[in-house]
């Protein structure tokens, strides 16, 4: 009887530990995806910042796009840029949403306010 109870306790502990390891692995994958999506969003915002500051750009046509696909870590990431007027003279709000390959909801969303010096 004691051996059966000990095996029951041991199996419960092992199943719980396997579930924790599985959750850790899933969370690690989600964190990596969010990190990569944030990288894409920051790159898009940086391009817009350079344009707003009238910095010379090697890819002038890229900075005016509001949708596109960037590659990060061997994967394609869809992004969408929204530009809105904000309160203040020449103040614009830039928001970038980045989606994974088959994601319906954005994996990352970043926003920034820039003064457009054009």
C-alpha atoms as a PDB file:
ATOM      1  CA  UNK A   1       0.000   0.000   0.000  1.00  0.00           C
ATOM      2  CA  UNK A   2       2.809   2.406   0.896  1.00  0.00           C
ATOM      3  CA  UNK A   3       4.581   1.714  -2.390  1.00  0.00           C
ATOM      4  CA  UNK A   4       1.400   2.457  -4.368  1.00  0.00           C
ATOM      5  CA  UNK A   5       0.955   5.792  -2.566  1.00  0.00           C
ATOM      6  CA  UNK A   6       4.625   6.669  -3.130  1.00  0.00           C
ATOM      7  CA  UNK A   7       4.271   5.893  -6.867  1.00  0.00           C
ATOM      8  CA  UNK A   8       1.117   8.006  -7.031  1.00  0.00           C
ATOM      9  CA  UNK A   9       2.904  10.958  -5.409  1.00  0.00           C
ATOM     10  CA  UNK A  10       5.949  10.514  -7.650  1.00  0.00           C
ATOM     11  CA  UNK A  11       3.820  10.366 -10.812  1.00  0.00           C
ATOM     12  CA  UNK A  12       1.928  13.511  -9.748  1.00  0.00           C
ATOM     13  CA  UNK A  13       5.189  15.388  -9.198  1.00  0.00           C
ATOM     14  CA  UNK A  14       6.594  14.221 -12.539  1.00  0.00           C
ATOM     15  CA  UNK A  15       3.463  15.184 -14.486  1.00  0.00           C
ATOM     16  CA  UNK A  16       3.443  18.623 -12.829  1.00  0.00           C
ATOM     17  CA  UNK A  17       7.099  19.200 -13.647  1.00  0.00           C
ATOM     18  CA  UNK A  18       6.562  18.180 -17.294  1.00  0.00           C
ATOM     19  CA  UNK A  19       3.671  20.644 -17.580  1.00  0.00           C
ATOM     20  CA  UNK A  20       5.860  23.431 -16.171  1.00  0.00           C
ATOM     21  CA  UNK A  21       8.646  22.679 -18.634  1.00  0.00           C
ATOM     22  CA  UNK A  22       6.137  22.684 -21.494  1.00  0.00           C
ATOM     23  CA  UNK A  23       4.691  26.036 -20.379  1.00  0.00           C
ATOM     24  CA  UNK A  24       8.207  27.474 -20.107  1.00  0.00           C
ATOM     25  CA  UNK A  25       9.033  26.372 -23.653  1.00  0.00           C
ATOM     26  CA  UNK A  26       5.787  27.829 -25.032  1.00  0.00           C
ATOM     27  CA  UNK A  27       6.361  31.129 -23.237  1.00  0.00           C
ATOM     28  CA  UNK A  28       9.916  31.272 -24.523  1.00  0.00           C
ATOM     29  CA  UNK A  29       8.656  30.936 -28.116  1.00  0.00           C
ATOM     30  CA  UNK A  30       6.047  33.677 -27.551  1.00  0.00           C
ATOM     31  CA  UNK A  31       8.671  35.993 -26.020  1.00  0.00           C
ATOM     32  CA  UNK A  32      11.003  35.430 -28.971  1.00  0.00           C
ATOM     33  CA  UNK A  33       8.222  36.237 -31.435  1.00  0.00           C
ATOM     34  CA  UNK A  34       7.297  39.424 -29.577  1.00  0.00           C
ATOM     35  CA  UNK A  35      10.949  40.452 -29.442  1.00  0.00           C
ATOM     36  CA  UNK A  36      11.387  39.964 -33.194  1.00  0.00           C
ATOM     37  CA  UNK A  37       8.131  41.785 -33.958  1.00  0.00           C
ATOM     38  CA  UNK A  38       9.259  44.688 -31.759  1.00  0.00           C
ATOM     39  CA  UNK A  39      12.523  44.830 -33.710  1.00  0.00           C
ATOM     40  CA  UNK A  40      10.575  45.194 -36.960  1.00  0.00           C
ATOM     41  CA  UNK A  41       8.378  47.915 -35.437  1.00  0.00           C
ATOM     42  CA  UNK A  42      11.390  49.856 -34.108  1.00  0.00           C
ATOM     43  CA  UNK A  43      13.051  49.675 -37.526  1.00  0.00           C
ATOM     44  CA  UNK A  44       9.927  51.128 -39.169  1.00  0.00           C
ATOM     45  CA  UNK A  45       9.678  53.905 -36.566  1.00  0.00           C
ATOM     46  CA  UNK A  46      13.353  54.735 -37.021  1.00  0.00           C
ATOM     47  CA  UNK A  47      12.827  55.089 -40.769  1.00  0.00           C
ATOM     48  CA  UNK A  48       9.946  57.480 -40.102  1.00  0.00           C
ATOM     49  CA  UNK A  49      12.033  59.441 -37.603  1.00  0.00           C
ATOM     50  CA  UNK A  50      14.829  59.846 -40.138  1.00  0.00           C
ATOM     51  CA  UNK A  51      12.307  61.082 -42.694  1.00  0.00           C
ATOM     52  CA  UNK A  52      10.730  63.518 -40.217  1.00  0.00           C
ATOM     53  CA  UNK A  53      14.170  64.928 -39.381  1.00  0.00           C
ATOM     54  CA  UNK A  54      15.079  65.270 -43.092  1.00  0.00           C
ATOM     55  CA  UNK A  55      18.003  62.903 -42.755  1.00  0.00           C
ATOM     56  CA  UNK A  56      19.344  61.575 -46.031  1.00  0.00           C
ATOM     57  CA  UNK A  57      17.877  58.200 -46.753  1.00  0.00           C
ATOM     58  CA  UNK A  58      19.327  55.507 -48.975  1.00  0.00           C
ATOM     59  CA  UNK A  59      15.832  54.146 -49.532  1.00  0.00           C
ATOM     60  CA  UNK A  60      13.491  57.113 -49.965  1.00  0.00           C
ATOM     61  CA  UNK A  61      10.726  54.986 -51.436  1.00  0.00           C
ATOM     62  CA  UNK A  62      10.691  52.668 -48.415  1.00  0.00           C
ATOM     63  CA  UNK A  63      10.052  55.449 -45.917  1.00  0.00           C
ATOM     64  CA  UNK A  64       6.766  56.497 -47.519  1.00  0.00           C
ATOM     65  CA  UNK A  65       5.153  53.067 -47.423  1.00  0.00           C
ATOM     66  CA  UNK A  66       2.399  52.367 -44.916  1.00  0.00           C
ATOM     67  CA  UNK A  67       2.330  48.583 -45.361  1.00  0.00           C
ATOM     68  CA  UNK A  68       4.938  46.027 -46.096  1.00  0.00           C
ATOM     69  CA  UNK A  69       6.776  42.855 -45.221  1.00  0.00           C
ATOM     70  CA  UNK A  70      10.149  42.784 -43.497  1.00  0.00           C
ATOM     71  CA  UNK A  71      12.304  39.800 -42.814  1.00  0.00           C
ATOM     72  CA  UNK A  72      13.670  39.238 -39.319  1.00  0.00           C
ATOM     73  CA  UNK A  73      15.446  36.061 -38.185  1.00  0.00           C
ATOM     74  CA  UNK A  74      14.532  34.250 -41.384  1.00  0.00           C
ATOM     75  CA  UNK A  75      10.800  34.954 -41.047  1.00  0.00           C
ATOM     76  CA  UNK A  76       8.484  37.345 -42.815  1.00  0.00           C
ATOM     77  CA  UNK A  77       6.696  39.928 -40.664  1.00  0.00           C
ATOM     78  CA  UNK A  78       3.796  41.974 -42.025  1.00  0.00           C
ATOM     79  CA  UNK A  79       3.684  45.532 -40.733  1.00  0.00           C
ATOM     80  CA  UNK A  80       1.238  48.384 -41.035  1.00  0.00           C
ATOM     81  CA  UNK A  81       1.993  52.042 -40.299  1.00  0.00           C
ATOM     82  CA  UNK A  82      -0.642  54.578 -39.317  1.00  0.00           C
ATOM     83  CA  UNK A  83       0.183  58.291 -39.279  1.00  0.00           C
ATOM     84  CA  UNK A  84      -2.176  60.711 -37.563  1.00  0.00           C
ATOM     85  CA  UNK A  85      -2.066  64.390 -36.722  1.00  0.00           C
ATOM     86  CA  UNK A  86      -1.531  65.040 -33.036  1.00  0.00           C
ATOM     87  CA  UNK A  87      -2.036  68.160 -30.986  1.00  0.00           C
ATOM     88  CA  UNK A  88       0.587  70.751 -31.777  1.00  0.00           C
ATOM     89  CA  UNK A  89       2.144  72.220 -34.843  1.00  0.00           C
ATOM     90  CA  UNK A  90       3.701  69.614 -37.145  1.00  0.00           C
ATOM     91  CA  UNK A  91       3.353  66.914 -34.439  1.00  0.00           C
ATOM     92  CA  UNK A  92       2.464  63.507 -35.834  1.00  0.00           C
ATOM     93  CA  UNK A  93       1.664  60.205 -34.145  1.00  0.00           C
ATOM     94  CA  UNK A  94       3.170  57.146 -35.785  1.00  0.00           C
ATOM     95  CA  UNK A  95       1.871  53.700 -34.862  1.00  0.00           C
ATOM     96  CA  UNK A  96       3.283  50.467 -36.223  1.00  0.00           C
ATOM     97  CA  UNK A  97       1.517  47.131 -35.895  1.00  0.00           C
ATOM     98  CA  UNK A  98       3.490  43.989 -36.717  1.00  0.00           C
ATOM     99  CA  UNK A  99       1.874  40.650 -37.488  1.00  0.00           C
ATOM    100  CA  UNK A 100       3.347  37.166 -37.654  1.00  0.00           C
ATOM    101  CA  UNK A 101       2.889  34.953 -40.694  1.00  0.00           C
ATOM    102  CA  UNK A 102      -0.641  33.754 -39.912  1.00  0.00           C
ATOM    103  CA  UNK A 103      -1.566  36.030 -37.020  1.00  0.00           C
ATOM    104  CA  UNK A 104      -4.890  37.866 -37.053  1.00  0.00           C
ATOM    105  CA  UNK A 105      -3.937  40.063 -34.092  1.00  0.00           C
ATOM    106  CA  UNK A 106      -0.755  42.149 -33.990  1.00  0.00           C
ATOM    107  CA  UNK A 107       2.217  40.506 -32.323  1.00  0.00           C
ATOM    108  CA  UNK A 108       3.646  43.942 -31.471  1.00  0.00           C
ATOM    109  CA  UNK A 109       2.349  47.506 -31.508  1.00  0.00           C
ATOM    110  CA  UNK A 110       4.582  50.543 -31.016  1.00  0.00           C
ATOM    111  CA  UNK A 111       3.736  54.222 -31.212  1.00  0.00           C
ATOM    112  CA  UNK A 112       5.825  57.393 -31.205  1.00  0.00           C
ATOM    113  CA  UNK A 113       5.316  61.122 -31.669  1.00  0.00           C
ATOM    114  CA  UNK A 114       7.625  63.043 -34.000  1.00  0.00           C
ATOM    115  CA  UNK A 115       7.811  66.664 -35.089  1.00  0.00           C
ATOM    116  CA  UNK A 116       7.796  66.701 -38.871  1.00  0.00           C
ATOM    117  CA  UNK A 117      10.442  69.209 -40.016  1.00  0.00           C
ATOM    118  CA  UNK A 118       9.684  69.094 -43.725  1.00  0.00           C
END
